[in-house]
Amino acid sequence: MPVRVVDTATPSSQTSSGQDANAGHPSPPSCSLLSAGRCFAGTQNVSNIQKDEAWKVNVRIHGCDLEQGYLCGTMEALNVPLADTPVVTFWEGEIVDAKNYTFFTGKWEASPEDDIRHWSKFPSFTPLLIETDGGKSLDLSNYAYIFMRWKEQYFVNVGVDCGLTIAGFYYVCFSCSDGSISGFYYDPNSSPFQKLELKCTNEKDSGFTFSSYELQ
């Protein structure tokens, strides 16, 4: 959720990429660290040519369905200069599993070239051979990393005039071994390659709590 540069509130009308069901592809590895109730904390670098800046970020997963390649959650950004309160957004995610979704986004103003440019920022992506089909032929069921896209859907506790934008989305890489998350925000109207870095902070039911917000 970087600072708004250009008003791009009109949602994309493009359809999802890689959503055709393919029974021949197994689901990503079941990982207890990627499940409802898990919480993560870290930072998002929102630096630009004018200044260096990073926000503290908390993320909670509210739902995860590996069979459907879907998850959702909330993201809370602290110490945001233009906001009087932490800014909370609700997001929905696509899990790249070569069955429900591929590495090609096919919407949100992201071209295949944009996709490869961002996925290539993750060292764990390098060994994967992505063909023109976006990786439909890959078997990711035993891979040690899970790739995702997170798209913020709406602001939970502030209005759309808060000075921030949720027009873009995150390319995300999740480590099944330690629960760490790295990501890069993509929005043609925002600073490129804003990096998200998160660590798992709890054992699901203890050690971390969010402020209470009512989701719409």
Protein backbone atom coordinates (compact mmCIF):
# COMPACT_ATOMS: atom_id res chain seq x y z
CA MET A 1 0.00 0.00 0.00
CA PRO A 2 2.42 2.71 -1.16
CA VAL A 3 1.74 6.44 -1.30
CA ARG A 4 -0.72 7.23 -4.06
CA VAL A 5 0.93 8.85 -7.07
CA VAL A 6 -1.81 8.66 -9.69
CA ASP A 7 -5.46 7.83 -9.13
CA THR A 8 -5.83 4.31 -10.55
CA ALA A 9 -8.95 3.30 -8.65
CA THR A 10 -10.65 1.81 -11.70
CA PRO A 11 -10.26 -1.97 -11.40
CA SER A 12 -8.84 -3.99 -14.25
CA SER A 13 -11.34 -5.77 -16.45
CA GLN A 14 -8.92 -8.46 -17.49
CA THR A 15 -9.62 -12.05 -16.51
CA SER A 16 -7.47 -14.26 -14.32
CA SER A 17 -4.61 -16.21 -15.84
CA GLY A 18 -4.20 -19.93 -15.49
CA GLN A 19 -7.50 -20.63 -13.76
CA ASP A 20 -8.43 -23.63 -15.92
CA ALA A 21 -8.60 -26.65 -13.67
CA ASN A 22 -5.98 -29.29 -14.39
CA ALA A 23 -6.45 -32.44 -12.40
CA GLY A 24 -2.99 -33.64 -13.36
CA HIS A 25 -1.31 -31.13 -11.10
CA PRO A 26 -1.04 -31.80 -7.36
CA SER A 27 -1.49 -28.98 -4.89
CA PRO A 28 1.45 -27.10 -3.33
CA PRO A 29 2.98 -28.70 -0.24
CA SER A 30 0.84 -28.56 2.85
CA CYS A 31 2.62 -26.22 5.23
CA SER A 32 1.52 -25.58 8.80
CA LEU A 33 3.19 -22.18 8.70
CA LEU A 34 0.87 -21.10 5.88
CA SER A 35 -2.53 -21.51 7.49
CA ALA A 36 -5.38 -19.50 8.98
CA GLY A 37 -4.38 -17.70 12.17
CA ARG A 38 -0.70 -17.37 11.35
CA CYS A 39 0.82 -13.93 11.88
CA PHE A 40 3.87 -12.30 10.37
CA ALA A 41 5.77 -9.08 11.08
CA GLY A 42 8.39 -7.12 9.18
CA THR A 43 8.81 -4.13 6.92
CA GLN A 44 7.94 -2.79 3.51
CA ASN A 45 10.53 -0.59 1.86
CA VAL A 46 8.76 2.33 0.19
CA SER A 47 11.84 4.37 -0.66
CA ASN A 48 11.91 6.56 -3.74
CA ILE A 49 14.41 8.90 -5.38
CA GLN A 50 13.55 11.62 -2.86
CA LYS A 51 14.07 9.67 0.36
CA ASP A 52 14.62 6.31 2.03
CA GLU A 53 11.60 5.05 3.93
CA ALA A 54 10.31 1.78 5.39
CA TRP A 55 7.06 0.96 7.15
CA LYS A 56 6.54 -1.65 9.82
CA VAL A 57 4.03 -4.21 8.59
CA ASN A 58 1.96 -6.93 10.28
CA VAL A 59 0.10 -9.62 8.33
CA ARG A 60 -2.46 -12.14 9.51
CA ILE A 61 -3.78 -15.00 7.38
CA HIS A 62 -7.53 -15.42 7.80
CA GLY A 63 -8.14 -18.24 5.34
CA CYS A 64 -6.16 -20.66 3.19
CA ASP A 65 -7.39 -23.25 0.67
CA LEU A 66 -4.51 -24.97 -1.10
CA GLU A 67 -6.84 -27.04 -3.29
CA GLN A 68 -8.37 -23.90 -4.77
CA GLY A 69 -5.12 -21.92 -4.71
CA TYR A 70 -6.69 -19.25 -2.51
CA LEU A 71 -5.86 -17.42 0.69
CA CYS A 72 -6.84 -14.14 2.31
CA GLY A 73 -5.80 -11.97 5.18
CA THR A 74 -5.20 -8.49 6.54
CA MET A 75 -2.17 -6.26 6.32
CA GLU A 76 -1.49 -3.57 8.90
CA ALA A 77 1.01 -0.81 8.05
CA LEU A 78 2.40 1.18 10.96
CA ASN A 79 4.27 4.50 11.07
CA VAL A 80 2.70 5.62 7.78
CA PRO A 81 3.55 9.36 7.52
CA LEU A 82 0.22 10.43 5.97
CA ALA A 83 -1.98 8.50 8.40
CA ASP A 84 -2.95 9.24 12.00
CA THR A 85 -3.53 5.54 12.70
CA PRO A 86 -2.13 2.22 11.47
CA VAL A 87 -3.62 1.49 8.05
CA VAL A 88 -5.28 -1.91 7.66
CA THR A 89 -6.24 -3.50 4.35
CA PHE A 90 -7.96 -6.76 3.46
CA TRP A 91 -6.23 -8.77 0.75
CA GLU A 92 -6.90 -11.90 -1.27
CA GLY A 93 -4.19 -14.13 -2.65
CA GLU A 94 -3.58 -16.48 -5.56
CA ILE A 95 -1.27 -19.44 -4.97
CA VAL A 96 0.82 -20.33 -8.00
CA ASP A 97 0.27 -24.08 -8.26
CA ALA A 98 0.19 -24.61 -12.07
CA LYS A 99 -3.39 -25.83 -11.56
CA ASN A 100 -5.44 -22.85 -10.46
CA TYR A 101 -2.89 -20.14 -11.21
CA THR A 102 0.36 -19.87 -13.14
CA PHE A 103 3.29 -17.44 -12.90
CA PHE A 104 1.60 -15.23 -15.50
CA THR A 105 -0.78 -12.77 -13.83
CA GLY A 106 -2.88 -11.81 -16.85
CA LYS A 107 -4.47 -8.78 -15.13
CA TRP A 108 -3.75 -5.80 -12.87
CA GLU A 109 -1.71 -4.19 -15.70
CA ALA A 110 1.02 -6.84 -15.39
CA SER A 111 2.46 -8.25 -18.62
CA PRO A 112 4.34 -11.58 -18.82
CA GLU A 113 7.53 -9.53 -19.00
CA ASP A 114 6.58 -7.73 -15.78
CA ASP A 115 5.86 -11.10 -14.18
CA ILE A 116 9.22 -12.63 -15.08
CA ARG A 117 11.04 -9.45 -14.07
CA HIS A 118 9.51 -9.59 -10.59
CA TRP A 119 9.59 -13.36 -10.04
CA SER A 120 13.28 -13.33 -11.01
CA LYS A 121 14.00 -11.16 -7.97
CA PHE A 122 13.50 -14.30 -5.84
CA PRO A 123 16.56 -16.62 -5.82
CA SER A 124 14.21 -19.59 -5.31
CA PHE A 125 12.59 -18.85 -8.67
CA THR A 126 15.85 -19.19 -10.63
CA PRO A 127 15.87 -23.04 -10.87
CA LEU A 128 12.37 -23.10 -12.35
CA LEU A 129 12.03 -23.26 -16.11
CA ILE A 130 9.05 -21.15 -17.13
CA GLU A 131 7.83 -21.72 -20.66
CA THR A 132 5.37 -19.62 -22.62
CA ASP A 133 2.53 -21.26 -20.67
CA GLY A 134 3.58 -19.56 -17.44
CA GLY A 135 4.71 -22.78 -15.79
CA LYS A 136 1.62 -24.99 -16.26
CA SER A 137 3.85 -28.02 -16.78
CA LEU A 138 5.71 -27.58 -13.47
CA ASP A 139 5.21 -29.84 -10.46
CA LEU A 140 5.47 -27.53 -7.45
CA SER A 141 3.96 -29.97 -4.95
CA ASN A 142 7.29 -30.76 -3.28
CA TYR A 143 9.03 -27.45 -3.79
CA ALA A 144 10.38 -25.78 -0.66
CA TYR A 145 8.82 -22.44 -1.58
CA ILE A 146 5.29 -21.32 -2.38
CA PHE A 147 4.78 -18.44 -4.79
CA MET A 148 1.74 -16.21 -4.52
CA ARG A 149 0.15 -12.95 -5.57
CA TRP A 150 -1.54 -10.81 -2.91
CA LYS A 151 -4.07 -8.18 -4.02
CA GLU A 152 -5.42 -5.70 -1.50
CA GLN A 153 -9.18 -5.36 -1.93
CA TYR A 154 -10.19 -2.55 0.40
CA PHE A 155 -9.19 -0.40 3.36
CA VAL A 156 -10.55 -1.74 6.64
CA ASN A 157 -10.22 1.19 9.04
CA VAL A 158 -9.58 4.27 6.87
CA GLY A 159 -11.19 5.83 3.83
CA VAL A 160 -9.92 5.77 0.25
CA ASP A 161 -8.83 9.40 0.71
CA CYS A 162 -6.11 8.35 3.18
CA GLY A 163 -3.34 9.19 0.69
CA LEU A 164 -2.39 5.58 -0.01
CA THR A 165 -3.17 3.36 -2.98
CA ILE A 166 -4.06 -0.31 -3.25
CA ALA A 167 -4.15 -0.32 -7.05
CA GLY A 168 -1.18 -2.67 -7.33
CA PHE A 169 -0.39 -6.12 -5.96
CA TYR A 170 2.42 -8.14 -4.37
CA TYR A 171 4.52 -10.89 -5.89
CA VAL A 172 5.19 -13.12 -2.88
CA CYS A 173 7.55 -15.97 -2.06
CA PHE A 174 6.93 -18.05 1.07
CA SER A 175 9.53 -20.37 2.62
CA CYS A 176 8.01 -23.62 3.87
CA SER A 177 11.02 -24.26 6.10
CA ASP A 178 10.90 -21.19 8.34
CA GLY A 179 7.75 -19.30 7.35
CA SER A 180 9.61 -16.25 6.09
CA ILE A 181 7.97 -14.15 3.40
CA SER A 182 9.52 -11.87 0.83
CA GLY A 183 7.63 -9.88 -1.74
CA PHE A 184 7.74 -7.07 -4.27
CA TYR A 185 4.96 -4.58 -4.87
CA TYR A 186 3.94 -3.90 -8.45
CA ASP A 187 2.04 -0.83 -9.56
CA PRO A 188 3.03 1.07 -12.72
CA ASN A 189 2.27 4.34 -10.91
CA SER A 190 4.36 3.62 -7.80
CA SER A 191 8.06 3.26 -7.08
CA PRO A 192 9.24 -0.07 -8.55
CA PHE A 193 10.30 -3.15 -6.59
CA GLN A 194 9.15 -2.03 -3.13
CA LYS A 195 10.31 -4.95 -1.02
CA LEU A 196 8.22 -6.69 1.63
CA GLU A 197 10.06 -8.79 4.25
CA LEU A 198 8.17 -10.72 6.93
CA LYS A 199 8.92 -13.33 9.57
CA CYS A 200 6.47 -15.70 11.23
CA THR A 201 5.84 -14.37 14.75
CA ASN A 202 3.67 -16.94 16.47
CA GLU A 203 2.68 -20.55 16.94
CA LYS A 204 -0.75 -19.79 15.56
CA ASP A 205 -2.64 -19.10 18.76
CA SER A 206 -0.12 -17.25 20.89
CA GLY A 207 2.57 -14.61 20.87
CA PHE A 208 0.97 -12.04 18.54
CA THR A 209 -2.29 -10.13 18.39
CA PHE A 210 -3.76 -7.54 16.05
CA SER A 211 -5.90 -4.60 16.95
CA SER A 212 -9.59 -5.44 16.58
CA TYR A 213 -11.17 -4.42 13.29
CA GLU A 214 -14.47 -5.42 11.75
CA LEU A 215 -14.06 -6.77 8.22
CA GLN A 216 -16.74 -5.78 5.74
